[in-house]
Amino acid sequence: MSDQHRRFLRLRQLPHVWCPGCGNGSIVKALLTAIGDLGLDQDRVAVISGIGCAGRAPFILDFNTMHTTHGRALAFATGMKLVNPDLKVIVIMGDGDASAIGGNHFIHSCRRNLDLTALVFNNGIYGLTGGQLAPTTPAGKRSTTSMSGNIEHAFDLVRLALGAGAGFVARTTSYDNKQMVTFFKRAISHKGFAFVDVMTACPTYFGRMNDLGEPYELLHYLRDTTSPSEDIAREHDESPPADLMPTGIFRDEERRDYGTLYSQRALATSGKGRS
């Protein structure tokens, strides 16, 4: 652990609660590297999470942190950002937290374009509460509530974010440490709503239920089931194979964010209606 990472951690809260081989630790390390590289003021960074394995991250992070209710992390973050626009607000969610109970908050946060950074730790299953089927569980994969294989079509969170209007949309994996750092820095620096979908490994449930082997073999699974979007475009004229997930930055467009528009409207109307 480097000094850069150590200064952003609440060391008294270690060790963390994640299972051996869980990809969440790699994601958090990449996030701390990105924050350090950007030179952000530690006291002006806020990290908000919901419920789930990913939701435990703020416990060990030495920023302004909140561990909130299931699916509502973006709602809490919205209030925090509007009250204190100078904060750099980062929202950490699991895939079920963001796309199931928190689905409406997610799509309207994309649409609203408030200046937030949303990171989804996407392990394709409910890891904290028993390995149940999630909206992101790939078709055919097993969980504790789909023992014969998932018959549902999985949510593609990147397509969902693009359709809902997010200004910055990217996908990476916990296998690609350097890419994670690069995408996190781009997302945090983006003015407006930025979303990064991080495909990661859950060896305890997803890996065990689907006979994917040891944790290091799950890293190979992430490597072998994803591919840069430009490579897929070169190799496949039509849609990519169902088992090959494209990675990369899919949109990076800045427009006036909600906080700026809200402040301008408040200033413009502050004198009206007074005698």
C-alpha atoms as a PDB file:
ATOM      1  CA  MET A   1       0.000   0.000   0.000  1.00  0.00           C
ATOM      2  CA  SER A   2       1.521   3.329  -1.067  1.00  0.00           C
ATOM      3  CA  ASP A   3       1.482   6.493   1.034  1.00  0.00           C
ATOM      4  CA  GLN A   4      -0.855   8.001  -1.563  1.00  0.00           C
ATOM      5  CA  HIS A   5      -3.440   5.320  -0.902  1.00  0.00           C
ATOM      6  CA  ARG A   6      -2.821   5.206   2.841  1.00  0.00           C
ATOM      7  CA  ARG A   7      -3.672   8.885   3.372  1.00  0.00           C
ATOM      8  CA  PHE A   8      -7.116   8.372   1.826  1.00  0.00           C
ATOM      9  CA  LEU A   9      -8.003   5.415   4.074  1.00  0.00           C
ATOM     10  CA  ARG A  10      -9.461   5.118   7.555  1.00  0.00           C
ATOM     11  CA  LEU A  11      -6.859   2.590   8.624  1.00  0.00           C
ATOM     12  CA  ARG A  12      -8.677   1.835  11.885  1.00  0.00           C
ATOM     13  CA  GLN A  13     -11.529   0.373   9.785  1.00  0.00           C
ATOM     14  CA  LEU A  14      -9.274  -2.180   8.109  1.00  0.00           C
ATOM     15  CA  PRO A  15      -9.378  -5.016   7.243  1.00  0.00           C
ATOM     16  CA  HIS A  16     -12.398  -4.536   4.979  1.00  0.00           C
ATOM     17  CA  VAL A  17     -15.319  -6.955   4.823  1.00  0.00           C
ATOM     18  CA  TRP A  18     -14.962  -8.072   1.180  1.00  0.00           C
ATOM     19  CA  CYS A  19     -14.365 -11.725   0.363  1.00  0.00           C
ATOM     20  CA  PRO A  20     -10.923 -12.897  -0.822  1.00  0.00           C
ATOM     21  CA  GLY A  21     -10.702 -12.337  -4.568  1.00  0.00           C
ATOM     22  CA  CYS A  22     -13.491  -9.745  -4.689  1.00  0.00           C
ATOM     23  CA  GLY A  23     -12.775  -7.084  -7.298  1.00  0.00           C
ATOM     24  CA  ASN A  24     -14.057  -4.222  -5.132  1.00  0.00           C
ATOM     25  CA  GLY A  25     -10.666  -3.664  -3.543  1.00  0.00           C
ATOM     26  CA  SER A  26      -9.048  -3.227  -6.958  1.00  0.00           C
ATOM     27  CA  ILE A  27     -11.710  -0.699  -7.947  1.00  0.00           C
ATOM     28  CA  VAL A  28     -11.239   1.304  -4.742  1.00  0.00           C
ATOM     29  CA  LYS A  29      -7.458   1.297  -5.228  1.00  0.00           C
ATOM     30  CA  ALA A  30      -7.904   2.642  -8.771  1.00  0.00           C
ATOM     31  CA  LEU A  31     -10.303   5.310  -7.496  1.00  0.00           C
ATOM     32  CA  LEU A  32      -7.843   6.465  -4.843  1.00  0.00           C
ATOM     33  CA  THR A  33      -5.068   6.575  -7.445  1.00  0.00           C
ATOM     34  CA  ALA A  34      -7.279   8.728  -9.691  1.00  0.00           C
ATOM     35  CA  ILE A  35      -8.136  11.121  -6.848  1.00  0.00           C
ATOM     36  CA  GLY A  36      -4.464  11.412  -5.902  1.00  0.00           C
ATOM     37  CA  ASP A  37      -3.352  11.978  -9.493  1.00  0.00           C
ATOM     38  CA  LEU A  38      -5.950  14.735  -9.903  1.00  0.00           C
ATOM     39  CA  GLY A  39      -4.706  16.466  -6.762  1.00  0.00           C
ATOM     40  CA  LEU A  40      -8.186  16.848  -5.293  1.00  0.00           C
ATOM     41  CA  ASP A  41      -8.583  18.429  -1.863  1.00  0.00           C
ATOM     42  CA  GLN A  42      -9.377  15.511   0.418  1.00  0.00           C
ATOM     43  CA  ASP A  43     -11.743  17.656   2.498  1.00  0.00           C
ATOM     44  CA  ARG A  44     -13.695  18.700  -0.617  1.00  0.00           C
ATOM     45  CA  VAL A  45     -14.392  15.166  -1.813  1.00  0.00           C
ATOM     46  CA  ALA A  46     -17.617  13.378  -0.829  1.00  0.00           C
ATOM     47  CA  VAL A  47     -18.240   9.675  -1.423  1.00  0.00           C
ATOM     48  CA  ILE A  48     -21.832   8.451  -1.141  1.00  0.00           C
ATOM     49  CA  SER A  49     -22.979   4.833  -1.340  1.00  0.00           C
ATOM     50  CA  GLY A  50     -26.113   2.755  -1.084  1.00  0.00           C
ATOM     51  CA  ILE A  51     -26.548  -0.798   0.206  1.00  0.00           C
ATOM     52  CA  GLY A  52     -24.647  -3.855  -0.979  1.00  0.00           C
ATOM     53  CA  CYS A  53     -21.055  -5.030  -1.187  1.00  0.00           C
ATOM     54  CA  ALA A  54     -20.036  -1.846  -3.025  1.00  0.00           C
ATOM     55  CA  GLY A  55     -21.875   0.169  -0.399  1.00  0.00           C
ATOM     56  CA  ARG A  56     -19.280  -0.786   2.195  1.00  0.00           C
ATOM     57  CA  ALA A  57     -16.563   1.256   0.457  1.00  0.00           C
ATOM     58  CA  PRO A  58     -17.177   4.566   2.317  1.00  0.00           C
ATOM     59  CA  PHE A  59     -16.502   2.814   5.639  1.00  0.00           C
ATOM     60  CA  ILE A  60     -12.786   2.688   4.834  1.00  0.00           C
ATOM     61  CA  LEU A  61     -12.454   5.958   2.856  1.00  0.00           C
ATOM     62  CA  ASP A  62     -11.260   9.094   4.636  1.00  0.00           C
ATOM     63  CA  PHE A  63     -13.358  11.660   2.782  1.00  0.00           C
ATOM     64  CA  ASN A  64     -16.760  13.153   3.556  1.00  0.00           C
ATOM     65  CA  THR A  65     -18.727   9.906   3.368  1.00  0.00           C
ATOM     66  CA  MET A  66     -22.314   8.674   3.650  1.00  0.00           C
ATOM     67  CA  HIS A  67     -23.641   5.117   3.701  1.00  0.00           C
ATOM     68  CA  THR A  68     -27.260   5.616   2.690  1.00  0.00           C
ATOM     69  CA  THR A  69     -30.378   3.554   1.994  1.00  0.00           C
ATOM     70  CA  HIS A  70     -30.827   0.964  -0.741  1.00  0.00           C
ATOM     71  CA  GLY A  71     -31.138   2.529  -4.194  1.00  0.00           C
ATOM     72  CA  ARG A  72     -31.123   6.098  -2.887  1.00  0.00           C
ATOM     73  CA  ALA A  73     -27.446   7.041  -3.044  1.00  0.00           C
ATOM     74  CA  LEU A  74     -28.013   9.338  -6.036  1.00  0.00           C
ATOM     75  CA  ALA A  75     -30.872  11.101  -4.256  1.00  0.00           C
ATOM     76  CA  PHE A  76     -28.658  11.828  -1.235  1.00  0.00           C
ATOM     77  CA  ALA A  77     -25.810  12.898  -3.528  1.00  0.00           C
ATOM     78  CA  THR A  78     -28.124  15.246  -5.432  1.00  0.00           C
ATOM     79  CA  GLY A  79     -29.072  17.056  -2.223  1.00  0.00           C
ATOM     80  CA  MET A  80     -25.446  17.276  -1.108  1.00  0.00           C
ATOM     81  CA  LYS A  81     -24.253  18.683  -4.438  1.00  0.00           C
ATOM     82  CA  LEU A  82     -27.021  21.286  -4.687  1.00  0.00           C
ATOM     83  CA  VAL A  83     -26.422  22.493  -1.137  1.00  0.00           C
ATOM     84  CA  ASN A  84     -22.634  22.578  -1.548  1.00  0.00           C
ATOM     85  CA  PRO A  85     -21.713  22.881  -5.256  1.00  0.00           C
ATOM     86  CA  ASP A  86     -17.976  23.118  -4.506  1.00  0.00           C
ATOM     87  CA  LEU A  87     -17.833  19.489  -3.363  1.00  0.00           C
ATOM     88  CA  LYS A  88     -16.578  16.833  -5.760  1.00  0.00           C
ATOM     89  CA  VAL A  89     -19.273  14.187  -5.222  1.00  0.00           C
ATOM     90  CA  ILE A  90     -18.611  10.547  -6.148  1.00  0.00           C
ATOM     91  CA  VAL A  91     -21.394   7.973  -5.890  1.00  0.00           C
ATOM     92  CA  ILE A  92     -20.563   4.277  -5.458  1.00  0.00           C
ATOM     93  CA  MET A  93     -23.303   1.740  -6.197  1.00  0.00           C
ATOM     94  CA  GLY A  94     -23.687  -1.935  -6.892  1.00  0.00           C
ATOM     95  CA  ASP A  95     -25.434  -3.035 -10.064  1.00  0.00           C
ATOM     96  CA  GLY A  96     -28.596  -4.095  -8.212  1.00  0.00           C
ATOM     97  CA  ASP A  97     -28.500  -0.953  -6.074  1.00  0.00           C
ATOM     98  CA  ALA A  98     -28.321   1.254  -9.185  1.00  0.00           C
ATOM     99  CA  SER A  99     -30.514  -0.575 -11.683  1.00  0.00           C
ATOM    100  CA  ALA A 100     -33.200  -2.320  -9.611  1.00  0.00           C
ATOM    101  CA  ILE A 101     -34.539  -0.427  -6.590  1.00  0.00           C
ATOM    102  CA  GLY A 102     -32.507   2.634  -7.642  1.00  0.00           C
ATOM    103  CA  GLY A 103     -33.348   2.456 -11.338  1.00  0.00           C
ATOM    104  CA  ASN A 104     -35.522   5.563 -11.483  1.00  0.00           C
ATOM    105  CA  HIS A 105     -32.966   7.610  -9.578  1.00  0.00           C
ATOM    106  CA  PHE A 106     -30.313   6.421 -12.017  1.00  0.00           C
ATOM    107  CA  ILE A 107     -32.108   7.291 -15.259  1.00  0.00           C
ATOM    108  CA  HIS A 108     -33.272  10.675 -13.984  1.00  0.00           C
ATOM    109  CA  SER A 109     -29.794  11.524 -12.701  1.00  0.00           C
ATOM    110  CA  CYS A 110     -28.508  10.836 -16.217  1.00  0.00           C
ATOM    111  CA  ARG A 111     -31.280  13.002 -17.675  1.00  0.00           C
ATOM    112  CA  ARG A 112     -30.890  15.830 -15.157  1.00  0.00           C
ATOM    113  CA  ASN A 113     -27.120  16.107 -15.716  1.00  0.00           C
ATOM    114  CA  LEU A 114     -26.156  17.212 -12.226  1.00  0.00           C
ATOM    115  CA  ASP A 115     -22.374  17.341 -11.737  1.00  0.00           C
ATOM    116  CA  LEU A 116     -21.895  13.921 -10.117  1.00  0.00           C
ATOM    117  CA  THR A 117     -19.618  10.947 -10.785  1.00  0.00           C
ATOM    118  CA  ALA A 118     -21.429   7.602 -10.556  1.00  0.00           C
ATOM    119  CA  LEU A 119     -19.422   4.382 -10.358  1.00  0.00           C
ATOM    120  CA  VAL A 120     -21.226   1.036 -10.511  1.00  0.00           C
ATOM    121  CA  PHE A 121     -19.376  -2.005  -9.176  1.00  0.00           C
ATOM    122  CA  ASN A 122     -21.076  -4.480 -11.507  1.00  0.00           C
ATOM    123  CA  ASN A 123     -20.612  -8.120 -10.454  1.00  0.00           C
ATOM    124  CA  GLY A 124     -23.831  -9.333 -12.100  1.00  0.00           C
ATOM    125  CA  ILE A 125     -25.373 -10.660  -8.880  1.00  0.00           C
ATOM    126  CA  TYR A 126     -26.590  -9.652  -5.414  1.00  0.00           C
ATOM    127  CA  GLY A 127     -23.430 -10.509  -3.517  1.00  0.00           C
ATOM    128  CA  LEU A 128     -24.199  -9.173  -0.032  1.00  0.00           C
ATOM    129  CA  THR A 129     -27.608 -10.716   0.540  1.00  0.00           C
ATOM    130  CA  GLY A 130     -27.205 -14.269  -0.737  1.00  0.00           C
ATOM    131  CA  GLY A 131     -26.345 -14.412  -4.435  1.00  0.00           C
ATOM    132  CA  GLN A 132     -29.782 -13.730  -5.901  1.00  0.00           C
ATOM    133  CA  LEU A 133     -30.526 -12.944  -9.535  1.00  0.00           C
ATOM    134  CA  ALA A 134     -29.835  -9.289 -10.419  1.00  0.00           C
ATOM    135  CA  PRO A 135     -31.017  -7.151 -13.350  1.00  0.00           C
ATOM    136  CA  THR A 136     -27.470  -7.459 -14.720  1.00  0.00           C
ATOM    137  CA  THR A 137     -27.030 -11.237 -14.399  1.00  0.00           C
ATOM    138  CA  PRO A 138     -26.110 -12.482 -17.899  1.00  0.00           C
ATOM    139  CA  ALA A 139     -28.619 -14.732 -19.627  1.00  0.00           C
ATOM    140  CA  GLY A 140     -27.962 -18.382 -18.871  1.00  0.00           C
ATOM    141  CA  LYS A 141     -25.905 -17.715 -15.741  1.00  0.00           C
ATOM    142  CA  ARG A 142     -26.911 -19.266 -12.443  1.00  0.00           C
ATOM    143  CA  SER A 143     -27.683 -17.592  -9.140  1.00  0.00           C
ATOM    144  CA  THR A 144     -29.290 -18.786  -5.923  1.00  0.00           C
ATOM    145  CA  THR A 145     -32.683 -17.798  -7.351  1.00  0.00           C
ATOM    146  CA  SER A 146     -32.055 -19.035 -10.907  1.00  0.00           C
ATOM    147  CA  MET A 147     -30.517 -22.438 -10.353  1.00  0.00           C
ATOM    148  CA  SER A 148     -31.313 -23.586 -13.900  1.00  0.00           C
ATOM    149  CA  GLY A 149     -29.862 -20.448 -15.487  1.00  0.00           C
ATOM    150  CA  ASN A 150     -31.204 -16.932 -15.960  1.00  0.00           C
ATOM    151  CA  ILE A 151     -33.922 -16.727 -18.630  1.00  0.00           C
ATOM    152  CA  GLU A 152     -34.170 -12.924 -18.505  1.00  0.00           C
ATOM    153  CA  HIS A 153     -32.410 -10.401 -20.737  1.00  0.00           C
ATOM    154  CA  ALA A 154     -29.811  -8.513 -18.674  1.00  0.00           C
ATOM    155  CA  PHE A 155     -29.701  -4.740 -18.386  1.00  0.00           C
ATOM    156  CA  ASP A 156     -26.852  -3.149 -20.334  1.00  0.00           C
ATOM    157  CA  LEU A 157     -26.146  -0.204 -18.022  1.00  0.00           C
ATOM    158  CA  VAL A 158     -24.060   1.602 -20.633  1.00  0.00           C
ATOM    159  CA  ARG A 159     -26.937   1.596 -23.125  1.00  0.00           C
ATOM    160  CA  LEU A 160     -29.306   2.632 -20.355  1.00  0.00           C
ATOM    161  CA  ALA A 161     -27.096   5.601 -19.417  1.00  0.00           C
ATOM    162  CA  LEU A 162     -26.663   6.630 -23.051  1.00  0.00           C
ATOM    163  CA  GLY A 163     -30.408   6.480 -23.670  1.00  0.00           C
ATOM    164  CA  ALA A 164     -31.144   8.462 -20.509  1.00  0.00           C
ATOM    165  CA  GLY A 165     -28.787  11.261 -21.585  1.00  0.00           C
ATOM    166  CA  ALA A 166     -25.647  10.978 -19.436  1.00  0.00           C
ATOM    167  CA  GLY A 167     -22.854  13.214 -20.734  1.00  0.00           C
ATOM    168  CA  PHE A 168     -19.974  10.853 -19.927  1.00  0.00           C
ATOM    169  CA  VAL A 169     -20.454   7.088 -20.243  1.00  0.00           C
ATOM    170  CA  ALA A 170     -17.740   4.429 -20.016  1.00  0.00           C
ATOM    171  CA  ARG A 171     -17.208   0.781 -19.191  1.00  0.00           C
ATOM    172  CA  THR A 172     -14.111  -0.981 -17.884  1.00  0.00           C
ATOM    173  CA  THR A 173     -13.269  -4.008 -15.733  1.00  0.00           C
ATOM    174  CA  SER A 174     -11.470  -4.639 -12.456  1.00  0.00           C
ATOM    175  CA  TYR A 175      -8.967  -6.623 -14.546  1.00  0.00           C
ATOM    176  CA  ASP A 176      -7.855  -3.415 -16.319  1.00  0.00           C
ATOM    177  CA  ASN A 177      -6.272  -1.379 -13.527  1.00  0.00           C
ATOM    178  CA  LYS A 178      -4.642   1.278 -15.721  1.00  0.00           C
ATOM    179  CA  GLN A 179      -7.819   1.721 -17.729  1.00  0.00           C
ATOM    180  CA  MET A 180      -9.866   2.072 -14.544  1.00  0.00           C
ATOM    181  CA  VAL A 181      -7.613   4.875 -13.337  1.00  0.00           C
ATOM    182  CA  THR A 182      -7.800   6.651 -16.716  1.00  0.00           C
ATOM    183  CA  PHE A 183     -11.597   6.397 -16.945  1.00  0.00           C
ATOM    184  CA  PHE A 184     -12.102   7.461 -13.318  1.00  0.00           C
ATOM    185  CA  LYS A 185      -9.954  10.554 -13.864  1.00  0.00           C
ATOM    186  CA  ARG A 186     -11.908  11.419 -17.016  1.00  0.00           C
ATOM    187  CA  ALA A 187     -15.234  10.884 -15.238  1.00  0.00           C
ATOM    188  CA  ILE A 188     -14.328  12.922 -12.135  1.00  0.00           C
ATOM    189  CA  SER A 189     -13.042  15.775 -14.310  1.00  0.00           C
ATOM    190  CA  HIS A 190     -16.187  15.805 -16.470  1.00  0.00           C
ATOM    191  CA  LYS A 191     -18.568  18.721 -15.817  1.00  0.00           C
ATOM    192  CA  GLY A 192     -21.964  17.077 -15.605  1.00  0.00           C
ATOM    193  CA  PHE A 193     -23.217  13.562 -14.887  1.00  0.00           C
ATOM    194  CA  ALA A 194     -20.508  10.964 -15.495  1.00  0.00           C
ATOM    195  CA  PHE A 195     -21.086   7.215 -15.324  1.00  0.00           C
ATOM    196  CA  VAL A 196     -18.570   4.365 -15.314  1.00  0.00           C
ATOM    197  CA  ASP A 197     -19.766   0.757 -15.371  1.00  0.00           C
ATOM    198  CA  VAL A 198     -17.029  -1.413 -13.836  1.00  0.00           C
ATOM    199  CA  MET A 199     -17.410  -5.119 -14.539  1.00  0.00           C
ATOM    200  CA  THR A 200     -15.990  -6.977 -11.566  1.00  0.00           C
ATOM    201  CA  ALA A 201     -15.724 -10.415 -10.006  1.00  0.00           C
ATOM    202  CA  CYS A 202     -17.745 -12.016  -7.210  1.00  0.00           C
ATOM    203  CA  PRO A 203     -15.979 -15.332  -6.522  1.00  0.00           C
ATOM    204  CA  THR A 204     -18.215 -16.260  -3.584  1.00  0.00           C
ATOM    205  CA  TYR A 205     -21.484 -16.315  -5.515  1.00  0.00           C
ATOM    206  CA  PHE A 206     -21.209 -15.556  -9.235  1.00  0.00           C
ATOM    207  CA  GLY A 207     -17.982 -17.478  -9.681  1.00  0.00           C
ATOM    208  CA  ARG A 208     -18.952 -20.454  -7.522  1.00  0.00           C
ATOM    209  CA  MET A 209     -22.503 -20.710  -8.908  1.00  0.00           C
ATOM    210  CA  ASN A 210     -21.184 -20.731 -12.485  1.00  0.00           C
ATOM    211  CA  ASP A 211     -18.146 -22.991 -12.023  1.00  0.00           C
ATOM    212  CA  LEU A 212     -15.696 -20.271 -13.040  1.00  0.00           C
ATOM    213  CA  GLY A 213     -12.895 -21.433 -10.786  1.00  0.00           C
ATOM    214  CA  GLU A 214     -10.608 -19.556  -8.441  1.00  0.00           C
ATOM    215  CA  PRO A 215     -10.502 -15.746  -8.126  1.00  0.00           C
ATOM    216  CA  TYR A 216      -7.565 -15.403 -10.539  1.00  0.00           C
ATOM    217  CA  GLU A 217      -9.557 -17.388 -13.097  1.00  0.00           C
ATOM    218  CA  LEU A 218     -12.398 -14.894 -12.693  1.00  0.00           C
ATOM    219  CA  LEU A 219      -9.974 -12.193 -13.780  1.00  0.00           C
ATOM    220  CA  HIS A 220      -9.391 -14.233 -16.926  1.00  0.00           C
ATOM    221  CA  TYR A 221     -13.178 -14.472 -17.313  1.00  0.00           C
ATOM    222  CA  LEU A 222     -13.421 -10.656 -17.244  1.00  0.00           C
ATOM    223  CA  ARG A 223     -10.579 -10.440 -19.763  1.00  0.00           C
ATOM    224  CA  ASP A 224     -12.059 -13.017 -22.106  1.00  0.00           C
ATOM    225  CA  THR A 225     -15.691 -11.830 -22.055  1.00  0.00           C
ATOM    226  CA  THR A 226     -14.949  -8.154 -22.747  1.00  0.00           C
ATOM    227  CA  SER A 227     -13.253  -6.354 -25.598  1.00  0.00           C
ATOM    228  CA  PRO A 228     -12.573  -2.730 -26.556  1.00  0.00           C
ATOM    229  CA  SER A 229     -15.531  -1.426 -28.546  1.00  0.00           C
ATOM    230  CA  GLU A 230     -13.362  -0.442 -31.511  1.00  0.00           C
ATOM    231  CA  ASP A 231     -11.996  -4.000 -31.733  1.00  0.00           C
ATOM    232  CA  ILE A 232     -15.511  -5.419 -31.738  1.00  0.00           C
ATOM    233  CA  ALA A 233     -16.521  -2.972 -34.465  1.00  0.00           C
ATOM    234  CA  ARG A 234     -13.628  -4.115 -36.643  1.00  0.00           C
ATOM    235  CA  GLU A 235     -14.316  -7.814 -36.159  1.00  0.00           C
ATOM    236  CA  HIS A 236     -18.119  -7.847 -36.236  1.00  0.00           C
ATOM    237  CA  ASP A 237     -20.191  -5.947 -38.786  1.00  0.00           C
ATOM    238  CA  GLU A 238     -23.365  -6.278 -36.746  1.00  0.00           C
ATOM    239  CA  SER A 239     -24.054  -6.644 -33.012  1.00  0.00           C
ATOM    240  CA  PRO A 240     -21.266  -8.191 -30.901  1.00  0.00           C
ATOM    241  CA  PRO A 241     -21.651 -11.751 -29.615  1.00  0.00           C
ATOM    242  CA  ALA A 242     -23.906 -12.002 -26.568  1.00  0.00           C
ATOM    243  CA  ASP A 243     -21.004 -13.133 -24.376  1.00  0.00           C
ATOM    244  CA  LEU A 244     -18.653 -10.308 -25.428  1.00  0.00           C
ATOM    245  CA  MET A 245     -19.168  -7.008 -23.602  1.00  0.00           C
ATOM    246  CA  PRO A 246     -17.692  -3.859 -25.204  1.00  0.00           C
ATOM    247  CA  THR A 247     -15.493  -1.610 -23.077  1.00  0.00           C
ATOM    248  CA  GLY A 248     -14.316   1.942 -23.647  1.00  0.00           C
ATOM    249  CA  ILE A 249     -15.605   5.505 -23.495  1.00  0.00           C
ATOM    250  CA  PHE A 250     -18.915   5.665 -25.337  1.00  0.00           C
ATOM    251  CA  ARG A 251     -19.757   9.347 -24.824  1.00  0.00           C
ATOM    252  CA  ASP A 252     -17.882  12.402 -23.581  1.00  0.00           C
ATOM    253  CA  GLU A 253     -20.022  15.451 -24.261  1.00  0.00           C
ATOM    254  CA  GLU A 254     -20.267  18.482 -22.016  1.00  0.00           C
ATOM    255  CA  ARG A 255     -23.374  20.594 -21.737  1.00  0.00           C
ATOM    256  CA  ARG A 256     -24.582  22.964 -19.051  1.00  0.00           C
ATOM    257  CA  ASP A 257     -25.077  20.969 -15.891  1.00  0.00           C
ATOM    258  CA  TYR A 258     -28.152  21.127 -13.689  1.00  0.00           C
ATOM    259  CA  GLY A 259     -26.419  22.955 -10.834  1.00  0.00           C
ATOM    260  CA  THR A 260     -25.301  25.786 -13.126  1.00  0.00           C
ATOM    261  CA  LEU A 261     -28.760  26.130 -14.662  1.00  0.00           C
ATOM    262  CA  TYR A 262     -30.388  26.044 -11.225  1.00  0.00           C
ATOM    263  CA  SER A 263     -28.090  28.780  -9.882  1.00  0.00           C
ATOM    264  CA  GLN A 264     -28.675  30.974 -12.934  1.00  0.00           C
ATOM    265  CA  ARG A 265     -32.440  30.597 -12.632  1.00  0.00           C
ATOM    266  CA  ALA A 266     -32.334  31.349  -8.896  1.00  0.00           C
ATOM    267  CA  LEU A 267     -30.320  34.527  -9.488  1.00  0.00           C
ATOM    268  CA  ALA A 268     -32.607  35.633 -12.320  1.00  0.00           C
ATOM    269  CA  THR A 269     -35.766  35.231 -10.256  1.00  0.00           C
ATOM    270  CA  SER A 270     -34.482  36.307  -6.834  1.00  0.00           C
ATOM    271  CA  GLY A 271     -35.716  39.885  -7.209  1.00  0.00           C
ATOM    272  CA  LYS A 272     -39.099  39.126  -8.779  1.00  0.00           C
ATOM    273  CA  GLY A 273     -42.286  39.333  -6.777  1.00  0.00           C
ATOM    274  CA  ARG A 274     -40.914  41.875  -4.310  1.00  0.00           C
ATOM    275  CA  SER A 275     -42.461  45.307  -3.881  1.00  0.00           C
END
